[in-house]
PDB file of N, CA and C in Angstrom:
ATOM      1  N   MET A   1      16.182  16.634  26.681  1.00  0.00           N
ATOM      2  CA  MET A   1      15.301  15.482  26.482  1.00  0.00           C
ATOM      3  C   MET A   1      13.894  15.838  26.954  1.00  0.00           C
ATOM      4  N   LYS A   2      12.936  15.386  26.204  1.00  0.00           N
ATOM      5  CA  LYS A   2      11.549  15.696  26.525  1.00  0.00           C
ATOM      6  C   LYS A   2      11.116  14.886  27.741  1.00  0.00           C
ATOM      7  N   ASN A   3      10.157  15.458  28.450  1.00  0.00           N
ATOM      8  CA  ASN A   3       9.681  14.712  29.614  1.00  0.00           C
ATOM      9  C   ASN A   3       8.704  13.632  29.171  1.00  0.00           C
ATOM     10  N   LEU A   4       8.428  12.726  30.053  1.00  0.00           N
ATOM     11  CA  LEU A   4       7.602  11.557  29.753  1.00  0.00           C
ATOM     12  C   LEU A   4       6.191  11.940  29.315  1.00  0.00           C
ATOM     13  N   ALA A   5       5.615  12.968  29.898  1.00  0.00           N
ATOM     14  CA  ALA A   5       4.259  13.390  29.530  1.00  0.00           C
ATOM     15  C   ALA A   5       4.204  13.835  28.070  1.00  0.00           C
ATOM     16  N   GLN A   6       5.230  14.571  27.623  1.00  0.00           N
ATOM     17  CA  GLN A   6       5.265  15.011  26.230  1.00  0.00           C
ATOM     18  C   GLN A   6       5.407  13.814  25.287  1.00  0.00           C
ATOM     19  N   ILE A   7       6.241  12.874  25.657  1.00  0.00           N
ATOM     20  CA  ILE A   7       6.438  11.678  24.840  1.00  0.00           C
ATOM     21  C   ILE A   7       5.146  10.880  24.742  1.00  0.00           C
ATOM     22  N   MET A   8       4.442  10.729  25.845  1.00  0.00           N
ATOM     23  CA  MET A   8       3.179   9.987  25.847  1.00  0.00           C
ATOM     24  C   MET A   8       2.127  10.702  24.997  1.00  0.00           C
ATOM     25  N   LYS A   9       2.097  12.023  25.065  1.00  0.00           N
ATOM     26  CA  LYS A   9       1.150  12.789  24.264  1.00  0.00           C
ATOM     27  C   LYS A   9       1.444  12.594  22.780  1.00  0.00           C
ATOM     28  N   GLN A  10       2.726  12.635  22.404  1.00  0.00           N
ATOM     29  CA  GLN A  10       3.105  12.422  21.010  1.00  0.00           C
ATOM     30  C   GLN A  10       2.742  11.005  20.557  1.00  0.00           C
ATOM     31  N   ALA A  11       2.936  10.033  21.416  1.00  0.00           N
ATOM     32  CA  ALA A  11       2.604   8.642  21.087  1.00  0.00           C
ATOM     33  C   ALA A  11       1.100   8.497  20.854  1.00  0.00           C
ATOM     34  N   GLN A  12       0.284   9.143  21.671  1.00  0.00           N
ATOM     35  CA  GLN A  12      -1.162   9.085  21.498  1.00  0.00           C
ATOM     36  C   GLN A  12      -1.589   9.757  20.195  1.00  0.00           C
ATOM     37  N   GLU A  13      -0.970  10.897  19.878  1.00  0.00           N
ATOM     38  CA  GLU A  13      -1.266  11.586  18.622  1.00  0.00           C
ATOM     39  C   GLU A  13      -0.899  10.699  17.436  1.00  0.00           C
ATOM     40  N   MET A  14       0.255  10.065  17.524  1.00  0.00           N
ATOM     41  CA  MET A  14       0.729   9.191  16.459  1.00  0.00           C
ATOM     42  C   MET A  14      -0.219   8.010  16.274  1.00  0.00           C
ATOM     43  N   GLN A  15      -0.661   7.424  17.366  1.00  0.00           N
ATOM     44  CA  GLN A  15      -1.565   6.279  17.299  1.00  0.00           C
ATOM     45  C   GLN A  15      -2.894   6.697  16.659  1.00  0.00           C
ATOM     46  N   SER A  16      -3.381   7.852  17.007  1.00  0.00           N
ATOM     47  CA  SER A  16      -4.624   8.354  16.428  1.00  0.00           C
ATOM     48  C   SER A  16      -4.476   8.585  14.928  1.00  0.00           C
ATOM     49  N   LYS A  17      -3.379   9.211  14.520  1.00  0.00           N
ATOM     50  CA  LYS A  17      -3.134   9.464  13.107  1.00  0.00           C
ATOM     51  C   LYS A  17      -2.950   8.154  12.341  1.00  0.00           C
ATOM     52  N   MET A  18      -2.280   7.180  12.949  1.00  0.00           N
ATOM     53  CA  MET A  18      -2.057   5.888  12.306  1.00  0.00           C
ATOM     54  C   MET A  18      -3.388   5.179  12.088  1.00  0.00           C
ATOM     55  N   SER A  19      -4.266   5.209  13.070  1.00  0.00           N
ATOM     56  CA  SER A  19      -5.577   4.576  12.940  1.00  0.00           C
ATOM     57  C   SER A  19      -6.387   5.231  11.826  1.00  0.00           C
ATOM     58  N   GLU A  20      -6.355   6.543  11.770  1.00  0.00           N
ATOM     59  CA  GLU A  20      -7.087   7.273  10.729  1.00  0.00           C
ATOM     60  C   GLU A  20      -6.534   6.933   9.353  1.00  0.00           C
ATOM     61  N   MET A  21      -5.210   6.874   9.233  1.00  0.00           N
ATOM     62  CA  MET A  21      -4.589   6.550   7.956  1.00  0.00           C
ATOM     63  C   MET A  21      -4.994   5.142   7.505  1.00  0.00           C
ATOM     64  N   GLN A  22      -4.994   4.188   8.417  1.00  0.00           N
ATOM     65  CA  GLN A  22      -5.349   2.811   8.068  1.00  0.00           C
ATOM     66  C   GLN A  22      -6.805   2.711   7.635  1.00  0.00           C
ATOM     67  N   GLU A  23      -7.689   3.449   8.269  1.00  0.00           N
ATOM     68  CA  GLU A  23      -9.095   3.458   7.867  1.00  0.00           C
ATOM     69  C   GLU A  23      -9.259   4.028   6.458  1.00  0.00           C
ATOM     70  N   ASN A  24      -8.499   5.069   6.147  1.00  0.00           N
ATOM     71  CA  ASN A  24      -8.599   5.708   4.838  1.00  0.00           C
ATOM     72  C   ASN A  24      -8.015   4.849   3.718  1.00  0.00           C
ATOM     73  N   LEU A  25      -7.109   3.935   4.047  1.00  0.00           N
ATOM     74  CA  LEU A  25      -6.472   3.116   3.020  1.00  0.00           C
ATOM     75  C   LEU A  25      -7.440   2.179   2.311  1.00  0.00           C
ATOM     76  N   VAL A  26      -8.525   1.824   2.954  1.00  0.00           N
ATOM     77  CA  VAL A  26      -9.498   0.945   2.317  1.00  0.00           C
ATOM     78  C   VAL A  26     -10.085   1.617   1.080  1.00  0.00           C
ATOM     79  N   ASN A  27     -10.162   2.938   1.073  1.00  0.00           N
ATOM     80  CA  ASN A  27     -10.759   3.681  -0.031  1.00  0.00           C
ATOM     81  C   ASN A  27      -9.780   4.007  -1.156  1.00  0.00           C
ATOM     82  N   VAL A  28      -8.489   3.749  -0.940  1.00  0.00           N
ATOM     83  CA  VAL A  28      -7.474   4.035  -1.950  1.00  0.00           C
ATOM     84  C   VAL A  28      -7.474   2.905  -2.977  1.00  0.00           C
ATOM     85  N   GLU A  29      -7.425   3.258  -4.258  1.00  0.00           N
ATOM     86  CA  GLU A  29      -7.323   2.264  -5.332  1.00  0.00           C
ATOM     87  C   GLU A  29      -6.037   2.515  -6.099  1.00  0.00           C
ATOM     88  N   ILE A  30      -5.213   1.466  -6.226  1.00  0.00           N
ATOM     89  CA  ILE A  30      -3.940   1.568  -6.926  1.00  0.00           C
ATOM     90  C   ILE A  30      -3.883   0.433  -7.945  1.00  0.00           C
ATOM     91  N   THR A  31      -3.557   0.784  -9.187  1.00  0.00           N
ATOM     92  CA  THR A  31      -3.551  -0.194 -10.271  1.00  0.00           C
ATOM     93  C   THR A  31      -2.136  -0.471 -10.739  1.00  0.00           C
ATOM     94  N   GLY A  32      -1.839  -1.748 -10.913  1.00  0.00           N
ATOM     95  CA  GLY A  32      -0.580  -2.195 -11.502  1.00  0.00           C
ATOM     96  C   GLY A  32      -0.879  -2.848 -12.836  1.00  0.00           C
ATOM     97  N   GLU A  33       0.113  -2.810 -13.741  1.00  0.00           N
ATOM     98  CA  GLU A  33      -0.107  -3.328 -15.089  1.00  0.00           C
ATOM     99  C   GLU A  33       1.040  -4.212 -15.542  1.00  0.00           C
ATOM    100  N   SER A  34       0.724  -5.055 -16.522  1.00  0.00           N
ATOM    101  CA  SER A  34       1.736  -5.812 -17.245  1.00  0.00           C
ATOM    102  C   SER A  34       1.297  -5.889 -18.699  1.00  0.00           C
ATOM    103  N   ALA A  35       2.195  -6.368 -19.568  1.00  0.00           N
ATOM    104  CA  ALA A  35       1.913  -6.490 -21.003  1.00  0.00           C
ATOM    105  C   ALA A  35       1.408  -5.163 -21.571  1.00  0.00           C
ATOM    106  N   ALA A  36       2.120  -4.090 -21.244  1.00  0.00           N
ATOM    107  CA  ALA A  36       1.779  -2.756 -21.760  1.00  0.00           C
ATOM    108  C   ALA A  36       0.329  -2.369 -21.476  1.00  0.00           C
ATOM    109  N   GLY A  37      -0.155  -2.744 -20.289  1.00  0.00           N
ATOM    110  CA  GLY A  37      -1.499  -2.361 -19.875  1.00  0.00           C
ATOM    111  C   GLY A  37      -2.586  -3.326 -20.295  1.00  0.00           C
ATOM    112  N   MET A  38      -2.224  -4.416 -20.939  1.00  0.00           N
ATOM    113  CA  MET A  38      -3.236  -5.380 -21.382  1.00  0.00           C
ATOM    114  C   MET A  38      -3.762  -6.221 -20.228  1.00  0.00           C
ATOM    115  N   VAL A  39      -2.991  -6.278 -19.132  1.00  0.00           N
ATOM    116  CA  VAL A  39      -3.438  -6.929 -17.896  1.00  0.00           C
ATOM    117  C   VAL A  39      -3.276  -5.902 -16.791  1.00  0.00           C
ATOM    118  N   SER A  40      -4.341  -5.672 -16.024  1.00  0.00           N
ATOM    119  CA  SER A  40      -4.243  -4.733 -14.907  1.00  0.00           C
ATOM    120  C   SER A  40      -4.912  -5.320 -13.676  1.00  0.00           C
ATOM    121  N   VAL A  41      -4.303  -5.016 -12.543  1.00  0.00           N
ATOM    122  CA  VAL A  41      -4.804  -5.457 -11.247  1.00  0.00           C
ATOM    123  C   VAL A  41      -4.947  -4.212 -10.382  1.00  0.00           C
ATOM    124  N   THR A  42      -6.112  -4.043  -9.765  1.00  0.00           N
ATOM    125  CA  THR A  42      -6.337  -2.911  -8.878  1.00  0.00           C
ATOM    126  C   THR A  42      -6.481  -3.432  -7.452  1.00  0.00           C
ATOM    127  N   LEU A  43      -5.685  -2.843  -6.567  1.00  0.00           N
ATOM    128  CA  LEU A  43      -5.703  -3.199  -5.154  1.00  0.00           C
ATOM    129  C   LEU A  43      -6.182  -2.016  -4.336  1.00  0.00           C
ATOM    130  N   ASN A  44      -6.764  -2.305  -3.164  1.00  0.00           N
ATOM    131  CA  ASN A  44      -7.037  -1.204  -2.242  1.00  0.00           C
ATOM    132  C   ASN A  44      -5.759  -0.933  -1.466  1.00  0.00           C
ATOM    133  N   GLY A  45      -5.762   0.101  -0.667  1.00  0.00           N
ATOM    134  CA  GLY A  45      -4.571   0.502   0.061  1.00  0.00           C
ATOM    135  C   GLY A  45      -4.088  -0.496   1.090  1.00  0.00           C
ATOM    136  N   LYS A  46      -4.889  -1.489   1.388  1.00  0.00           N
ATOM    137  CA  LYS A  46      -4.467  -2.537   2.318  1.00  0.00           C
ATOM    138  C   LYS A  46      -3.983  -3.780   1.583  1.00  0.00           C
ATOM    139  N   GLY A  47      -3.962  -3.720   0.250  1.00  0.00           N
ATOM    140  CA  GLY A  47      -3.434  -4.822  -0.540  1.00  0.00           C
ATOM    141  C   GLY A  47      -4.467  -5.821  -1.021  1.00  0.00           C
ATOM    142  N   GLY A  48      -5.739  -5.579  -0.741  1.00  0.00           N
ATOM    143  CA  GLY A  48      -6.793  -6.477  -1.207  1.00  0.00           C
ATOM    144  C   GLY A  48      -7.110  -6.231  -2.671  1.00  0.00           C
ATOM    145  N   MET A  49      -7.168  -7.306  -3.468  1.00  0.00           N
ATOM    146  CA  MET A  49      -7.478  -7.153  -4.888  1.00  0.00           C
ATOM    147  C   MET A  49      -8.959  -6.841  -5.051  1.00  0.00           C
ATOM    148  N   ILE A  50      -9.239  -5.759  -5.806  1.00  0.00           N
ATOM    149  CA  ILE A  50     -10.634  -5.377  -6.004  1.00  0.00           C
ATOM    150  C   ILE A  50     -11.048  -5.433  -7.468  1.00  0.00           C
ATOM    151  N   ARG A  51     -10.051  -5.541  -8.371  1.00  0.00           N
ATOM    152  CA  ARG A  51     -10.412  -5.609  -9.787  1.00  0.00           C
ATOM    153  C   ARG A  51      -9.271  -6.240 -10.577  1.00  0.00           C
ATOM    154  N   LEU A  52      -9.645  -7.030 -11.575  1.00  0.00           N
ATOM    155  CA  LEU A  52      -8.696  -7.650 -12.493  1.00  0.00           C
ATOM    156  C   LEU A  52      -9.244  -7.463 -13.898  1.00  0.00           C
ATOM    157  N   LYS A  53      -8.432  -6.908 -14.809  1.00  0.00           N
ATOM    158  CA  LYS A  53      -8.859  -6.723 -16.191  1.00  0.00           C
ATOM    159  C   LYS A  53      -7.834  -7.382 -17.111  1.00  0.00           C
ATOM    160  N   ILE A  54      -8.359  -8.124 -18.097  1.00  0.00           N
ATOM    161  CA  ILE A  54      -7.506  -8.811 -19.065  1.00  0.00           C
ATOM    162  C   ILE A  54      -8.033  -8.502 -20.460  1.00  0.00           C
ATOM    163  N   ASP A  55      -7.156  -8.020 -21.308  1.00  0.00           N
ATOM    164  CA  ASP A  55      -7.547  -7.766 -22.697  1.00  0.00           C
ATOM    165  C   ASP A  55      -7.897  -9.114 -23.336  1.00  0.00           C
ATOM    166  N   PRO A  56      -9.077  -9.225 -23.944  1.00  0.00           N
ATOM    167  CA  PRO A  56      -9.512 -10.500 -24.535  1.00  0.00           C
ATOM    168  C   PRO A  56      -8.542 -11.080 -25.567  1.00  0.00           C
ATOM    169  N   SER A  57      -7.762 -10.238 -26.218  1.00  0.00           N
ATOM    170  CA  SER A  57      -6.823 -10.744 -27.222  1.00  0.00           C
ATOM    171  C   SER A  57      -5.708 -11.596 -26.608  1.00  0.00           C
ATOM    172  N   LEU A  58      -5.518 -11.475 -25.290  1.00  0.00           N
ATOM    173  CA  LEU A  58      -4.488 -12.264 -24.614  1.00  0.00           C
ATOM    174  C   LEU A  58      -4.952 -13.666 -24.230  1.00  0.00           C
ATOM    175  N   ILE A  59      -6.242 -13.889 -24.261  1.00  0.00           N
ATOM    176  CA  ILE A  59      -6.781 -15.157 -23.774  1.00  0.00           C
ATOM    177  C   ILE A  59      -6.573 -16.253 -24.816  1.00  0.00           C
ATOM    178  N   ASN A  60      -5.714 -17.182 -24.438  1.00  0.00           N
ATOM    179  CA  ASN A  60      -5.397 -18.328 -25.288  1.00  0.00           C
ATOM    180  C   ASN A  60      -5.417 -19.558 -24.387  1.00  0.00           C
ATOM    181  N   PRO A  61      -6.451 -20.377 -24.474  1.00  0.00           N
ATOM    182  CA  PRO A  61      -6.586 -21.524 -23.573  1.00  0.00           C
ATOM    183  C   PRO A  61      -5.388 -22.472 -23.572  1.00  0.00           C
ATOM    184  N   SER A  62      -4.663 -22.527 -24.660  1.00  0.00           N
ATOM    185  CA  SER A  62      -3.528 -23.446 -24.709  1.00  0.00           C
ATOM    186  C   SER A  62      -2.268 -22.862 -24.078  1.00  0.00           C
ATOM    187  N   ASP A  63      -2.311 -21.600 -23.656  1.00  0.00           N
ATOM    188  CA  ASP A  63      -1.128 -20.973 -23.070  1.00  0.00           C
ATOM    189  C   ASP A  63      -1.461 -20.265 -21.757  1.00  0.00           C
ATOM    190  N   ALA A  64      -2.054 -21.007 -20.838  1.00  0.00           N
ATOM    191  CA  ALA A  64      -2.476 -20.444 -19.550  1.00  0.00           C
ATOM    192  C   ALA A  64      -1.289 -19.945 -18.725  1.00  0.00           C
ATOM    193  N   GLU A  65      -0.134 -20.550 -18.881  1.00  0.00           N
ATOM    194  CA  GLU A  65       1.036 -20.162 -18.085  1.00  0.00           C
ATOM    195  C   GLU A  65       1.441 -18.709 -18.339  1.00  0.00           C
ATOM    196  N   VAL A  66       1.360 -18.265 -19.584  1.00  0.00           N
ATOM    197  CA  VAL A  66       1.683 -16.871 -19.894  1.00  0.00           C
ATOM    198  C   VAL A  66       0.695 -15.943 -19.186  1.00  0.00           C
ATOM    199  N   MET A  67      -0.575 -16.284 -19.223  1.00  0.00           N
ATOM    200  CA  MET A  67      -1.602 -15.471 -18.555  1.00  0.00           C
ATOM    201  C   MET A  67      -1.333 -15.406 -17.056  1.00  0.00           C
ATOM    202  N   GLU A  68      -1.009 -16.528 -16.454  1.00  0.00           N
ATOM    203  CA  GLU A  68      -0.710 -16.564 -15.026  1.00  0.00           C
ATOM    204  C   GLU A  68       0.458 -15.641 -14.701  1.00  0.00           C
ATOM    205  N   ASP A  69       1.518 -15.682 -15.526  1.00  0.00           N
ATOM    206  CA  ASP A  69       2.686 -14.830 -15.301  1.00  0.00           C
ATOM    207  C   ASP A  69       2.332 -13.347 -15.431  1.00  0.00           C
ATOM    208  N   LEU A  70       1.491 -13.015 -16.406  1.00  0.00           N
ATOM    209  CA  LEU A  70       1.100 -11.619 -16.588  1.00  0.00           C
ATOM    210  C   LEU A  70       0.252 -11.113 -15.423  1.00  0.00           C
ATOM    211  N   ILE A  71      -0.624 -11.955 -14.916  1.00  0.00           N
ATOM    212  CA  ILE A  71      -1.438 -11.566 -13.762  1.00  0.00           C
ATOM    213  C   ILE A  71      -0.555 -11.357 -12.539  1.00  0.00           C
ATOM    214  N   LEU A  72       0.381 -12.272 -12.323  1.00  0.00           N
ATOM    215  CA  LEU A  72       1.304 -12.106 -11.189  1.00  0.00           C
ATOM    216  C   LEU A  72       2.130 -10.831 -11.322  1.00  0.00           C
ATOM    217  N   ALA A  73       2.608 -10.546 -12.525  1.00  0.00           N
ATOM    218  CA  ALA A  73       3.406  -9.335 -12.733  1.00  0.00           C
ATOM    219  C   ALA A  73       2.579  -8.081 -12.453  1.00  0.00           C
ATOM    220  N   ALA A  74       1.336  -8.060 -12.908  1.00  0.00           N
ATOM    221  CA  ALA A  74       0.466  -6.900 -12.668  1.00  0.00           C
ATOM    222  C   ALA A  74       0.175  -6.754 -11.176  1.00  0.00           C
ATOM    223  N   HIS A  75      -0.063  -7.871 -10.505  1.00  0.00           N
ATOM    224  CA  HIS A  75      -0.315  -7.829  -9.063  1.00  0.00           C
ATOM    225  C   HIS A  75       0.915  -7.309  -8.319  1.00  0.00           C
ATOM    226  N   ASN A  76       2.077  -7.809  -8.674  1.00  0.00           N
ATOM    227  CA  ASN A  76       3.300  -7.361  -7.999  1.00  0.00           C
ATOM    228  C   ASN A  76       3.561  -5.881  -8.240  1.00  0.00           C
ATOM    229  N   ASP A  77       3.249  -5.395  -9.430  1.00  0.00           N
ATOM    230  CA  ASP A  77       3.394  -3.972  -9.733  1.00  0.00           C
ATOM    231  C   ASP A  77       2.458  -3.150  -8.849  1.00  0.00           C
ATOM    232  N   ALA A  78       1.212  -3.584  -8.748  1.00  0.00           N
ATOM    233  CA  ALA A  78       0.245  -2.874  -7.900  1.00  0.00           C
ATOM    234  C   ALA A  78       0.678  -2.920  -6.442  1.00  0.00           C
ATOM    235  N   ARG A  79       1.146  -4.071  -5.988  1.00  0.00           N
ATOM    236  CA  ARG A  79       1.548  -4.215  -4.583  1.00  0.00           C
ATOM    237  C   ARG A  79       2.717  -3.289  -4.247  1.00  0.00           C
ATOM    238  N   SER A  80       3.678  -3.174  -5.156  1.00  0.00           N
ATOM    239  CA  SER A  80       4.804  -2.278  -4.885  1.00  0.00           C
ATOM    240  C   SER A  80       4.337  -0.825  -4.823  1.00  0.00           C
ATOM    241  N   LYS A  81       3.323  -0.473  -5.620  1.00  0.00           N
ATOM    242  CA  LYS A  81       2.770   0.885  -5.565  1.00  0.00           C
ATOM    243  C   LYS A  81       2.017   1.118  -4.255  1.00  0.00           C
ATOM    244  N   VAL A  82       1.313   0.096  -3.774  1.00  0.00           N
ATOM    245  CA  VAL A  82       0.623   0.200  -2.481  1.00  0.00           C
ATOM    246  C   VAL A  82       1.654   0.427  -1.377  1.00  0.00           C
ATOM    247  N   ASP A  83       2.730  -0.353  -1.394  1.00  0.00           N
ATOM    248  CA  ASP A  83       3.774  -0.210  -0.374  1.00  0.00           C
ATOM    249  C   ASP A  83       4.401   1.180  -0.407  1.00  0.00           C
ATOM    250  N   ALA A  84       4.652   1.694  -1.608  1.00  0.00           N
ATOM    251  CA  ALA A  84       5.221   3.032  -1.739  1.00  0.00           C
ATOM    252  C   ALA A  84       4.265   4.087  -1.194  1.00  0.00           C
ATOM    253  N   ARG A  85       2.978   3.908  -1.461  1.00  0.00           N
ATOM    254  CA  ARG A  85       1.967   4.853  -0.959  1.00  0.00           C
ATOM    255  C   ARG A  85       1.930   4.827   0.567  1.00  0.00           C
ATOM    256  N   MET A  86       2.007   3.628   1.137  1.00  0.00           N
ATOM    257  CA  MET A  86       2.014   3.495   2.598  1.00  0.00           C
ATOM    258  C   MET A  86       3.202   4.245   3.201  1.00  0.00           C
ATOM    259  N   GLN A  87       4.373   4.082   2.596  1.00  0.00           N
ATOM    260  CA  GLN A  87       5.561   4.776   3.104  1.00  0.00           C
ATOM    261  C   GLN A  87       5.387   6.285   3.000  1.00  0.00           C
ATOM    262  N   GLU A  88       4.813   6.738   1.889  1.00  0.00           N
ATOM    263  CA  GLU A  88       4.583   8.165   1.687  1.00  0.00           C
ATOM    264  C   GLU A  88       3.633   8.716   2.748  1.00  0.00           C
ATOM    265  N   GLU A  89       2.523   8.009   2.975  1.00  0.00           N
ATOM    266  CA  GLU A  89       1.534   8.463   3.960  1.00  0.00           C
ATOM    267  C   GLU A  89       2.115   8.436   5.373  1.00  0.00           C
ATOM    268  N   THR A  90       2.901   7.423   5.674  1.00  0.00           N
ATOM    269  CA  THR A  90       3.524   7.325   6.996  1.00  0.00           C
ATOM    270  C   THR A  90       4.503   8.472   7.198  1.00  0.00           C
ATOM    271  N   SER A  91       5.278   8.799   6.154  1.00  0.00           N
ATOM    272  CA  SER A  91       6.224   9.909   6.250  1.00  0.00           C
ATOM    273  C   SER A  91       5.500  11.226   6.508  1.00  0.00           C
ATOM    274  N   LYS A  92       4.374  11.435   5.804  1.00  0.00           N
ATOM    275  CA  LYS A  92       3.589  12.660   6.020  1.00  0.00           C
ATOM    276  C   LYS A  92       3.085  12.715   7.460  1.00  0.00           C
ATOM    277  N   MET A  93       2.601  11.577   7.929  1.00  0.00           N
ATOM    278  CA  MET A  93       2.041  11.509   9.269  1.00  0.00           C
ATOM    279  C   MET A  93       3.111  11.786  10.326  1.00  0.00           C
ATOM    280  N   MET A  94       4.310  11.335  10.084  1.00  0.00           N
ATOM    281  CA  MET A  94       5.394  11.484  11.058  1.00  0.00           C
ATOM    282  C   MET A  94       5.922  12.913  11.114  1.00  0.00           C
ATOM    283  N   GLY A  95       5.629  13.719  10.107  1.00  0.00           N
ATOM    284  CA  GLY A  95       6.145  15.082  10.046  1.00  0.00           C
ATOM    285  C   GLY A  95       5.903  15.848  11.330  1.00  0.00           C
ATOM    286  N   GLY A  96       6.983  16.333  11.914  1.00  0.00           N
ATOM    287  CA  GLY A  96       6.872  17.163  13.103  1.00  0.00           C
ATOM    288  C   GLY A  96       6.827  16.412  14.421  1.00  0.00           C
ATOM    289  N   ILE A  97       6.658  15.114  14.379  1.00  0.00           N
ATOM    290  CA  ILE A  97       6.625  14.361  15.628  1.00  0.00           C
ATOM    291  C   ILE A  97       7.927  13.582  15.750  1.00  0.00           C
ATOM    292  N   GLU A  98       8.641  13.855  16.813  1.00  0.00           N
ATOM    293  CA  GLU A  98       9.917  13.191  17.021  1.00  0.00           C
ATOM    294  C   GLU A  98       9.752  12.050  18.007  1.00  0.00           C
ATOM    295  N   LEU A  99      10.263  10.888  17.625  1.00  0.00           N
ATOM    296  CA  LEU A  99      10.260   9.750  18.528  1.00  0.00           C
ATOM    297  C   LEU A  99      11.605   9.695  19.235  1.00  0.00           C
ATOM    298  N   PRO A 100      11.614   9.225  20.461  1.00  0.00           N
ATOM    299  CA  PRO A 100      12.878   9.096  21.181  1.00  0.00           C
ATOM    300  C   PRO A 100      13.777   8.102  20.444  1.00  0.00           C
ATOM    301  N   PRO A 101      15.088   8.231  20.589  1.00  0.00           N
ATOM    302  CA  PRO A 101      16.017   7.317  19.926  1.00  0.00           C
ATOM    303  C   PRO A 101      15.687   5.856  20.274  1.00  0.00           C
ATOM    304  N   GLY A 102      15.697   5.021  19.257  1.00  0.00           N
ATOM    305  CA  GLY A 102      15.440   3.592  19.454  1.00  0.00           C
ATOM    306  C   GLY A 102      13.986   3.208  19.389  1.00  0.00           C
ATOM    307  N   MET A 103      13.064   4.166  19.428  1.00  0.00           N
ATOM    308  CA  MET A 103      11.637   3.862  19.391  1.00  0.00           C
ATOM    309  C   MET A 103      11.194   3.803  17.940  1.00  0.00           C
ATOM    310  N   LYS A 104      10.526   2.701  17.561  1.00  0.00           N
ATOM    311  CA  LYS A 104      10.110   2.507  16.184  1.00  0.00           C
ATOM    312  C   LYS A 104       8.620   2.243  16.117  1.00  0.00           C
ATOM    313  N   LEU A 105       8.041   2.473  14.919  1.00  0.00           N
ATOM    314  CA  LEU A 105       6.636   2.142  14.673  1.00  0.00           C
ATOM    315  C   LEU A 105       6.555   0.789  14.018  1.00  0.00           C
ATOM    316  N   PRO A 106       5.467   0.033  14.173  1.00  0.00           N
ATOM    317  CA  PRO A 106       4.363   0.324  15.055  1.00  0.00           C
ATOM    318  C   PRO A 106       4.740   0.069  16.509  1.00  0.00           C
ATOM    319  N   PHE A 107       4.001   0.686  17.408  1.00  0.00           N
ATOM    320  CA  PHE A 107       4.308   0.572  18.829  1.00  0.00           C
ATOM    321  C   PHE A 107       4.089  -0.823  19.331  1.00  0.00           C
TER     322      PHE A 107
END
């Protein structure tokens, strides 16, 4: 078993890497789509919507409910991609650093 000083050093390294990763996520752009790409939503890595595109041929004032559903579907697609990216980045960050049994992130 590692001594406490080594564990604390690893925890500090992990915290530093986590902070850096979170700062970099603001610059990541991930796009989700629905209706074969006719509706797209772009989110940053923290899940904030930064762009919405709708093909003009889909705009029908008498059928707003379909448009709402397509926007939600595109947003959910983008959000799932953001979540997958977060897991990927976290896995990369964790490489080589072992946490004691039972210890989970975030601290």
